[in-house]
Full PDB file with SEQRES, HELIX, SHEET, SSBOND, CRYST1, ORIGX, SCALE, CONECT and MASTER records, all heavy atoms in Angstrom:
SEQRES   1 A   29  ARG THR LYS LYS GLY SER ASN PRO LYS GLN ARG VAL GLU          
SEQRES   2 A   29  THR ILE PHE SER SER VAL LEU PHE ASP TYR LEU LYS GLU          
SEQRES   3 A   29  LEU ARG GLY                                                  
HELIX    1 AA1 PRO A    8  PHE A   16  1                                   9    
HELIX    2 AA2 VAL A   19  PHE A   21  5                                   3    
HELIX    3 AA3 ASP A   22  ARG A   28  1                                   7    
CRYST1    1.000    1.000    1.000  90.00  90.00  90.00 P 1           1          
ORIGX1      1.000000  0.000000  0.000000        0.00000                         
ORIGX2      0.000000  1.000000  0.000000        0.00000                         
ORIGX3      0.000000  0.000000  1.000000        0.00000                         
SCALE1      1.000000  0.000000  0.000000        0.00000                         
SCALE2      0.000000  1.000000  0.000000        0.00000                         
SCALE3      0.000000  0.000000  1.000000        0.00000                         
ATOM      1  N   ARG A   1     -12.310  14.966 -18.322  1.00  0.00           N  
ATOM      2  CA  ARG A   1     -11.479  15.780 -19.209  1.00  0.00           C  
ATOM      3  C   ARG A   1     -10.089  15.178 -19.286  1.00  0.00           C  
ATOM      4  O   ARG A   1      -9.691  14.368 -18.435  1.00  0.00           O  
ATOM      5  CB  ARG A   1     -11.387  17.213 -18.683  1.00  0.00           C  
ATOM      6  CG  ARG A   1     -10.765  17.339 -17.302  1.00  0.00           C  
ATOM      7  CD  ARG A   1     -10.910  18.748 -16.750  1.00  0.00           C  
ATOM      8  NE  ARG A   1     -10.515  18.831 -15.372  1.00  0.00           N  
ATOM      9  CZ  ARG A   1      -9.283  19.141 -14.942  1.00  0.00           C  
ATOM     10  NH1 ARG A   1      -8.333  19.401 -15.832  1.00  0.00           N  
ATOM     11  NH2 ARG A   1      -9.011  19.219 -13.649  1.00  0.00           N  
ATOM     12  N   THR A   2      -9.354  15.531 -20.289  1.00  0.00           N  
ATOM     13  CA  THR A   2      -7.947  15.139 -20.360  1.00  0.00           C  
ATOM     14  C   THR A   2      -7.193  15.864 -19.258  1.00  0.00           C  
ATOM     15  O   THR A   2      -7.351  17.069 -19.063  1.00  0.00           O  
ATOM     16  CB  THR A   2      -7.353  15.501 -21.730  1.00  0.00           C  
ATOM     17  OG1 THR A   2      -8.047  14.752 -22.740  1.00  0.00           O  
ATOM     18  CG2 THR A   2      -5.875  15.165 -21.787  1.00  0.00           C  
ATOM     19  N   LYS A   3      -6.405  15.130 -18.517  1.00  0.00           N  
ATOM     20  CA  LYS A   3      -5.718  15.712 -17.361  1.00  0.00           C  
ATOM     21  C   LYS A   3      -4.314  15.141 -17.236  1.00  0.00           C  
ATOM     22  O   LYS A   3      -4.138  13.922 -17.244  1.00  0.00           O  
ATOM     23  CB  LYS A   3      -6.518  15.431 -16.082  1.00  0.00           C  
ATOM     24  CG  LYS A   3      -5.954  16.074 -14.834  1.00  0.00           C  
ATOM     25  CD  LYS A   3      -6.843  15.779 -13.623  1.00  0.00           C  
ATOM     26  CE  LYS A   3      -6.304  16.427 -12.365  1.00  0.00           C  
ATOM     27  NZ  LYS A   3      -7.147  16.124 -11.178  1.00  0.00           N  
ATOM     28  N   LYS A   4      -3.351  16.023 -17.131  1.00  0.00           N  
ATOM     29  CA  LYS A   4      -1.938  15.637 -16.964  1.00  0.00           C  
ATOM     30  C   LYS A   4      -1.506  14.624 -18.020  1.00  0.00           C  
ATOM     31  O   LYS A   4      -0.839  13.626 -17.725  1.00  0.00           O  
ATOM     32  CB  LYS A   4      -1.702  15.078 -15.557  1.00  0.00           C  
ATOM     33  CG  LYS A   4      -1.918  16.100 -14.455  1.00  0.00           C  
ATOM     34  CD  LYS A   4      -1.664  15.502 -13.077  1.00  0.00           C  
ATOM     35  CE  LYS A   4      -1.876  16.557 -11.993  1.00  0.00           C  
ATOM     36  NZ  LYS A   4      -1.679  15.999 -10.625  1.00  0.00           N  
ATOM     37  N   GLY A   5      -1.940  14.858 -19.253  1.00  0.00           N  
ATOM     38  CA  GLY A   5      -1.527  13.998 -20.358  1.00  0.00           C  
ATOM     39  C   GLY A   5      -2.325  12.723 -20.506  1.00  0.00           C  
ATOM     40  O   GLY A   5      -2.094  11.961 -21.457  1.00  0.00           O  
ATOM     41  N   SER A   6      -3.278  12.474 -19.609  1.00  0.00           N  
ATOM     42  CA  SER A   6      -4.096  11.253 -19.688  1.00  0.00           C  
ATOM     43  C   SER A   6      -5.452  11.601 -20.291  1.00  0.00           C  
ATOM     44  O   SER A   6      -6.125  12.528 -19.824  1.00  0.00           O  
ATOM     45  CB  SER A   6      -4.295  10.649 -18.302  1.00  0.00           C  
ATOM     46  OG  SER A   6      -3.066  10.228 -17.759  1.00  0.00           O  
ATOM     47  N   ASN A   7      -5.845  10.852 -21.322  1.00  0.00           N  
ATOM     48  CA  ASN A   7      -7.153  11.087 -21.921  1.00  0.00           C  
ATOM     49  C   ASN A   7      -8.236  10.416 -21.071  1.00  0.00           C  
ATOM     50  O   ASN A   7      -7.929   9.647 -20.144  1.00  0.00           O  
ATOM     51  CB  ASN A   7      -7.178  10.596 -23.372  1.00  0.00           C  
ATOM     52  CG  ASN A   7      -6.920   9.091 -23.486  1.00  0.00           C  
ATOM     53  OD1 ASN A   7      -7.415   8.301 -22.682  1.00  0.00           O  
ATOM     54  ND2 ASN A   7      -6.154   8.692 -24.496  1.00  0.00           N  
ATOM     55  N   PRO A   8      -9.524  10.683 -21.354  1.00  0.00           N  
ATOM     56  CA  PRO A   8     -10.596  10.130 -20.523  1.00  0.00           C  
ATOM     57  C   PRO A   8     -10.551   8.606 -20.376  1.00  0.00           C  
ATOM     58  O   PRO A   8     -10.805   8.079 -19.286  1.00  0.00           O  
ATOM     59  CB  PRO A   8     -11.868  10.589 -21.245  1.00  0.00           C  
ATOM     60  CG  PRO A   8     -11.462  11.890 -21.888  1.00  0.00           C  
ATOM     61  CD  PRO A   8     -10.058  11.674 -22.318  1.00  0.00           C  
ATOM     62  N   LYS A   9     -10.246   7.887 -21.447  1.00  0.00           N  
ATOM     63  CA  LYS A   9     -10.187   6.422 -21.351  1.00  0.00           C  
ATOM     64  C   LYS A   9      -9.080   5.979 -20.402  1.00  0.00           C  
ATOM     65  O   LYS A   9      -9.260   5.071 -19.581  1.00  0.00           O  
ATOM     66  CB  LYS A   9      -9.957   5.830 -22.735  1.00  0.00           C  
ATOM     67  CG  LYS A   9      -9.992   4.307 -22.748  1.00  0.00           C  
ATOM     68  CD  LYS A   9      -9.823   3.759 -24.158  1.00  0.00           C  
ATOM     69  CE  LYS A   9      -9.851   2.224 -24.135  1.00  0.00           C  
ATOM     70  NZ  LYS A   9      -9.679   1.651 -25.509  1.00  0.00           N  
ATOM     71  N   GLN A  10      -7.922   6.621 -20.493  1.00  0.00           N  
ATOM     72  CA  GLN A  10      -6.809   6.289 -19.589  1.00  0.00           C  
ATOM     73  C   GLN A  10      -7.153   6.634 -18.148  1.00  0.00           C  
ATOM     74  O   GLN A  10      -6.758   5.919 -17.224  1.00  0.00           O  
ATOM     75  CB  GLN A  10      -5.544   7.032 -20.039  1.00  0.00           C  
ATOM     76  CG  GLN A  10      -4.986   6.555 -21.366  1.00  0.00           C  
ATOM     77  CD  GLN A  10      -3.907   7.471 -21.904  1.00  0.00           C  
ATOM     78  OE1 GLN A  10      -3.944   8.700 -21.706  1.00  0.00           O  
ATOM     79  NE2 GLN A  10      -2.925   6.898 -22.585  1.00  0.00           N  
ATOM     80  N   ARG A  11      -7.908   7.707 -17.967  1.00  0.00           N  
ATOM     81  CA  ARG A  11      -8.280   8.104 -16.609  1.00  0.00           C  
ATOM     82  C   ARG A  11      -9.245   7.093 -15.983  1.00  0.00           C  
ATOM     83  O   ARG A  11      -9.192   6.848 -14.774  1.00  0.00           O  
ATOM     84  CB  ARG A  11      -8.883   9.510 -16.611  1.00  0.00           C  
ATOM     85  CG  ARG A  11      -7.874  10.605 -16.935  1.00  0.00           C  
ATOM     86  CD  ARG A  11      -8.454  11.975 -16.693  1.00  0.00           C  
ATOM     87  NE  ARG A  11      -8.747  12.186 -15.283  1.00  0.00           N  
ATOM     88  CZ  ARG A  11      -9.507  13.166 -14.815  1.00  0.00           C  
ATOM     89  NH1 ARG A  11     -10.078  14.019 -15.657  1.00  0.00           N  
ATOM     90  NH2 ARG A  11      -9.725  13.297 -13.530  1.00  0.00           N  
ATOM     91  N   VAL A  12     -10.141   6.540 -16.784  1.00  0.00           N  
ATOM     92  CA  VAL A  12     -11.027   5.487 -16.272  1.00  0.00           C  
ATOM     93  C   VAL A  12     -10.195   4.289 -15.804  1.00  0.00           C  
ATOM     94  O   VAL A  12     -10.452   3.703 -14.732  1.00  0.00           O  
ATOM     95  CB  VAL A  12     -12.053   5.057 -17.341  1.00  0.00           C  
ATOM     96  CG1 VAL A  12     -12.776   3.777 -16.914  1.00  0.00           C  
ATOM     97  CG2 VAL A  12     -13.064   6.167 -17.571  1.00  0.00           C  
ATOM     98  N   GLU A  13      -9.206   3.922 -16.589  1.00  0.00           N  
ATOM     99  CA  GLU A  13      -8.330   2.811 -16.206  1.00  0.00           C  
ATOM    100  C   GLU A  13      -7.592   3.117 -14.908  1.00  0.00           C  
ATOM    101  O   GLU A  13      -7.426   2.242 -14.047  1.00  0.00           O  
ATOM    102  CB  GLU A  13      -7.338   2.527 -17.333  1.00  0.00           C  
ATOM    103  CG  GLU A  13      -7.992   1.995 -18.600  1.00  0.00           C  
ATOM    104  CD  GLU A  13      -7.033   1.927 -19.778  1.00  0.00           C  
ATOM    105  OE1 GLU A  13      -5.859   2.341 -19.611  1.00  0.00           O  
ATOM    106  OE2 GLU A  13      -7.447   1.449 -20.858  1.00  0.00           O  
ATOM    107  N   THR A  14      -7.171   4.373 -14.754  1.00  0.00           N  
ATOM    108  CA  THR A  14      -6.485   4.778 -13.522  1.00  0.00           C  
ATOM    109  C   THR A  14      -7.427   4.703 -12.329  1.00  0.00           C  
ATOM    110  O   THR A  14      -7.041   4.235 -11.246  1.00  0.00           O  
ATOM    111  CB  THR A  14      -5.942   6.214 -13.665  1.00  0.00           C  
ATOM    112  OG1 THR A  14      -5.026   6.271 -14.759  1.00  0.00           O  
ATOM    113  CG2 THR A  14      -5.234   6.654 -12.391  1.00  0.00           C  
ATOM    114  N   ILE A  15      -8.665   5.143 -12.513  1.00  0.00           N  
ATOM    115  CA  ILE A  15      -9.662   5.071 -11.430  1.00  0.00           C  
ATOM    116  C   ILE A  15      -9.822   3.640 -10.963  1.00  0.00           C  
ATOM    117  O   ILE A  15      -9.810   3.344  -9.763  1.00  0.00           O  
ATOM    118  CB  ILE A  15     -11.007   5.650 -11.908  1.00  0.00           C  
ATOM    119  CG1 ILE A  15     -10.919   7.161 -12.076  1.00  0.00           C  
ATOM    120  CG2 ILE A  15     -12.128   5.302 -10.909  1.00  0.00           C  
ATOM    121  CD1 ILE A  15     -12.127   7.774 -12.769  1.00  0.00           C  
ATOM    122  N   PHE A  16      -9.960   2.709 -11.906  1.00  0.00           N  
ATOM    123  CA  PHE A  16     -10.227   1.313 -11.548  1.00  0.00           C  
ATOM    124  C   PHE A  16      -8.982   0.569 -11.063  1.00  0.00           C  
ATOM    125  O   PHE A  16      -9.089  -0.552 -10.575  1.00  0.00           O  
ATOM    126  CB  PHE A  16     -10.855   0.576 -12.734  1.00  0.00           C  
ATOM    127  CG  PHE A  16     -12.281   0.972 -12.997  1.00  0.00           C  
ATOM    128  CD1 PHE A  16     -12.747   1.119 -14.294  1.00  0.00           C  
ATOM    129  CD2 PHE A  16     -13.147   1.217 -11.952  1.00  0.00           C  
ATOM    130  CE1 PHE A  16     -14.057   1.495 -14.544  1.00  0.00           C  
ATOM    131  CE2 PHE A  16     -14.457   1.598 -12.181  1.00  0.00           C  
ATOM    132  CZ  PHE A  16     -14.915   1.733 -13.472  1.00  0.00           C  
ATOM    133  N   SER A  17      -7.809   1.199 -11.208  1.00  0.00           N  
ATOM    134  CA  SER A  17      -6.594   0.573 -10.663  1.00  0.00           C  
ATOM    135  C   SER A  17      -6.477   0.781  -9.165  1.00  0.00           C  
ATOM    136  O   SER A  17      -5.630   0.168  -8.510  1.00  0.00           O  
ATOM    137  CB  SER A  17      -5.356   1.149 -11.364  1.00  0.00           C  
ATOM    138  OG  SER A  17      -5.182   2.531 -11.024  1.00  0.00           O  
ATOM    139  N   SER A  18      -7.359   1.635  -8.607  1.00  0.00           N  
ATOM    140  CA  SER A  18      -7.323   1.902  -7.165  1.00  0.00           C  
ATOM    141  C   SER A  18      -7.708   0.660  -6.379  1.00  0.00           C  
ATOM    142  O   SER A  18      -8.551  -0.149  -6.804  1.00  0.00           O  
ATOM    143  CB  SER A  18      -8.281   3.051  -6.824  1.00  0.00           C  
ATOM    144  OG  SER A  18      -8.482   3.145  -5.428  1.00  0.00           O  
ATOM    145  N   VAL A  19      -7.120   0.524  -5.207  1.00  0.00           N  
ATOM    146  CA  VAL A  19      -7.436  -0.584  -4.311  1.00  0.00           C  
ATOM    147  C   VAL A  19      -8.908  -0.563  -3.904  1.00  0.00           C  
ATOM    148  O   VAL A  19      -9.463  -1.588  -3.504  1.00  0.00           O  
ATOM    149  CB  VAL A  19      -6.520  -0.531  -3.068  1.00  0.00           C  
ATOM    150  CG1 VAL A  19      -6.804   0.709  -2.229  1.00  0.00           C  
ATOM    151  CG2 VAL A  19      -6.656  -1.777  -2.213  1.00  0.00           C  
ATOM    152  N   LEU A  20      -9.557   0.590  -4.019  1.00  0.00           N  
ATOM    153  CA  LEU A  20     -10.975   0.706  -3.684  1.00  0.00           C  
ATOM    154  C   LEU A  20     -11.821  -0.293  -4.466  1.00  0.00           C  
ATOM    155  O   LEU A  20     -12.844  -0.773  -3.970  1.00  0.00           O  
ATOM    156  CB  LEU A  20     -11.453   2.134  -3.983  1.00  0.00           C  
ATOM    157  CG  LEU A  20     -12.954   2.410  -3.834  1.00  0.00           C  
ATOM    158  CD1 LEU A  20     -13.354   2.394  -2.357  1.00  0.00           C  
ATOM    159  CD2 LEU A  20     -13.328   3.741  -4.474  1.00  0.00           C  
ATOM    160  N   PHE A  21     -11.413  -0.631  -5.696  1.00  0.00           N  
ATOM    161  CA  PHE A  21     -12.217  -1.485  -6.557  1.00  0.00           C  
ATOM    162  C   PHE A  21     -11.786  -2.952  -6.528  1.00  0.00           C  
ATOM    163  O   PHE A  21     -12.341  -3.768  -7.268  1.00  0.00           O  
ATOM    164  CB  PHE A  21     -12.163  -0.961  -7.996  1.00  0.00           C  
ATOM    165  CG  PHE A  21     -12.813   0.387  -8.162  1.00  0.00           C  
ATOM    166  CD1 PHE A  21     -12.067   1.551  -8.034  1.00  0.00           C  
ATOM    167  CD2 PHE A  21     -14.161   0.506  -8.433  1.00  0.00           C  
ATOM    168  CE1 PHE A  21     -12.654   2.803  -8.176  1.00  0.00           C  
ATOM    169  CE2 PHE A  21     -14.761   1.743  -8.580  1.00  0.00           C  
ATOM    170  CZ  PHE A  21     -14.006   2.894  -8.452  1.00  0.00           C  
ATOM    171  N   ASP A  22     -10.834  -3.306  -5.676  1.00  0.00           N  
ATOM    172  CA  ASP A  22     -10.350  -4.687  -5.637  1.00  0.00           C  
ATOM    173  C   ASP A  22     -11.442  -5.667  -5.244  1.00  0.00           C  
ATOM    174  O   ASP A  22     -11.581  -6.743  -5.849  1.00  0.00           O  
ATOM    175  CB  ASP A  22      -9.162  -4.807  -4.674  1.00  0.00           C  
ATOM    176  CG  ASP A  22      -7.886  -4.212  -5.248  1.00  0.00           C  
ATOM    177  OD1 ASP A  22      -7.910  -3.790  -6.426  1.00  0.00           O  
ATOM    178  OD2 ASP A  22      -6.881  -4.142  -4.517  1.00  0.00           O  
ATOM    179  N   TYR A  23     -12.228  -5.330  -4.226  1.00  0.00           N  
ATOM    180  CA  TYR A  23     -13.279  -6.249  -3.782  1.00  0.00           C  
ATOM    181  C   TYR A  23     -14.366  -6.386  -4.846  1.00  0.00           C  
ATOM    182  O   TYR A  23     -14.902  -7.467  -5.067  1.00  0.00           O  
ATOM    183  CB  TYR A  23     -13.883  -5.766  -2.462  1.00  0.00           C  
ATOM    184  CG  TYR A  23     -14.969  -6.675  -1.932  1.00  0.00           C  
ATOM    185  CD1 TYR A  23     -14.665  -7.953  -1.472  1.00  0.00           C  
ATOM    186  CD2 TYR A  23     -16.299  -6.259  -1.903  1.00  0.00           C  
ATOM    187  CE1 TYR A  23     -15.653  -8.801  -0.997  1.00  0.00           C  
ATOM    188  CE2 TYR A  23     -17.295  -7.097  -1.426  1.00  0.00           C  
ATOM    189  CZ  TYR A  23     -16.971  -8.365  -0.974  1.00  0.00           C  
ATOM    190  OH  TYR A  23     -17.958  -9.203  -0.515  1.00  0.00           O  
ATOM    191  N   LEU A  24     -14.693  -5.286  -5.524  1.00  0.00           N  
ATOM    192  CA  LEU A  24     -15.676  -5.337  -6.610  1.00  0.00           C  
ATOM    193  C   LEU A  24     -15.219  -6.300  -7.701  1.00  0.00           C  
ATOM    194  O   LEU A  24     -16.010  -7.128  -8.190  1.00  0.00           O  
ATOM    195  CB  LEU A  24     -15.871  -3.933  -7.191  1.00  0.00           C  
ATOM    196  CG  LEU A  24     -16.687  -3.838  -8.478  1.00  0.00           C  
ATOM    197  CD1 LEU A  24     -18.133  -4.258  -8.228  1.00  0.00           C  
ATOM    198  CD2 LEU A  24     -16.620  -2.432  -9.065  1.00  0.00           C  
ATOM    199  N   LYS A  25     -13.947  -6.225  -8.100  1.00  0.00           N  
ATOM    200  CA  LYS A  25     -13.416  -7.115  -9.141  1.00  0.00           C  
ATOM    201  C   LYS A  25     -13.484  -8.569  -8.686  1.00  0.00           C  
ATOM    202  O   LYS A  25     -13.797  -9.469  -9.475  1.00  0.00           O  
ATOM    203  CB  LYS A  25     -11.972  -6.729  -9.464  1.00  0.00           C  
ATOM    204  CG  LYS A  25     -11.810  -5.337 -10.052  1.00  0.00           C  
ATOM    205  CD  LYS A  25     -10.333  -4.978 -10.173  1.00  0.00           C  
ATOM    206  CE  LYS A  25     -10.144  -3.527 -10.574  1.00  0.00           C  
ATOM    207  NZ  LYS A  25      -8.707  -3.129 -10.572  1.00  0.00           N  
ATOM    208  N   GLU A  26     -13.169  -8.783  -7.421  1.00  0.00           N  
ATOM    209  CA  GLU A  26     -13.210 -10.144  -6.878  1.00  0.00           C  
ATOM    210  C   GLU A  26     -14.640 -10.681  -6.847  1.00  0.00           C  
ATOM    211  O   GLU A  26     -14.890 -11.852  -7.146  1.00  0.00           O  
ATOM    212  CB  GLU A  26     -12.610 -10.144  -5.472  1.00  0.00           C  
ATOM    213  CG  GLU A  26     -12.634 -11.483  -4.767  1.00  0.00           C  
ATOM    214  CD  GLU A  26     -12.146 -11.382  -3.329  1.00  0.00           C  
ATOM    215  OE1 GLU A  26     -11.288 -10.519  -3.046  1.00  0.00           O  
ATOM    216  OE2 GLU A  26     -12.641 -12.161  -2.485  1.00  0.00           O  
ATOM    217  N   LEU A  27     -15.590  -9.820  -6.490  1.00  0.00           N  
ATOM    218  CA  LEU A  27     -16.981 -10.237  -6.321  1.00  0.00           C  
ATOM    219  C   LEU A  27     -17.718 -10.373  -7.650  1.00  0.00           C  
ATOM    220  O   LEU A  27     -18.448 -11.358  -7.882  1.00  0.00           O  
ATOM    221  CB  LEU A  27     -17.707  -9.230  -5.428  1.00  0.00           C  
ATOM    222  CG  LEU A  27     -19.164  -9.519  -5.073  1.00  0.00           C  
ATOM    223  CD1 LEU A  27     -19.251 -10.733  -4.145  1.00  0.00           C  
ATOM    224  CD2 LEU A  27     -19.809  -8.306  -4.412  1.00  0.00           C  
ATOM    225  N   ARG A  28     -17.555  -9.399  -8.530  1.00  0.00           N  
ATOM    226  CA  ARG A  28     -18.327  -9.358  -9.783  1.00  0.00           C  
ATOM    227  C   ARG A  28     -17.517  -9.694 -11.025  1.00  0.00           C  
ATOM    228  O   ARG A  28     -18.094  -9.848 -12.106  1.00  0.00           O  
ATOM    229  CB  ARG A  28     -18.942  -7.967  -9.971  1.00  0.00           C  
ATOM    230  CG  ARG A  28     -19.840  -7.499  -8.839  1.00  0.00           C  
ATOM    231  CD  ARG A  28     -21.093  -8.331  -8.741  1.00  0.00           C  
ATOM    232  NE  ARG A  28     -21.991  -7.828  -7.695  1.00  0.00           N  
ATOM    233  CZ  ARG A  28     -23.040  -8.497  -7.250  1.00  0.00           C  
ATOM    234  NH1 ARG A  28     -23.323  -9.691  -7.758  1.00  0.00           N  
ATOM    235  NH2 ARG A  28     -23.812  -7.978  -6.307  1.00  0.00           N  
ATOM    236  N   GLY A  29     -16.201  -9.777 -10.868  1.00  0.00           N  
ATOM    237  CA  GLY A  29     -15.356  -9.985 -12.037  1.00  0.00           C  
ATOM    238  C   GLY A  29     -15.011  -8.670 -12.699  1.00  0.00           C  
ATOM    239  O   GLY A  29     -15.765  -7.695 -12.616  1.00  0.00           O  
TER     240      GLY A  29                                                      
MASTER        0    0    0    3    0    0    0    6  239    1    0    3          
END                                                                             
């Protein structure tokens, strides 16, 4: 859902900006 002014697409980008996904980006691109 839209939350705190961020639409769903922006929220996906925020999720993937987490350090949790750094190794995934390094491994799979």
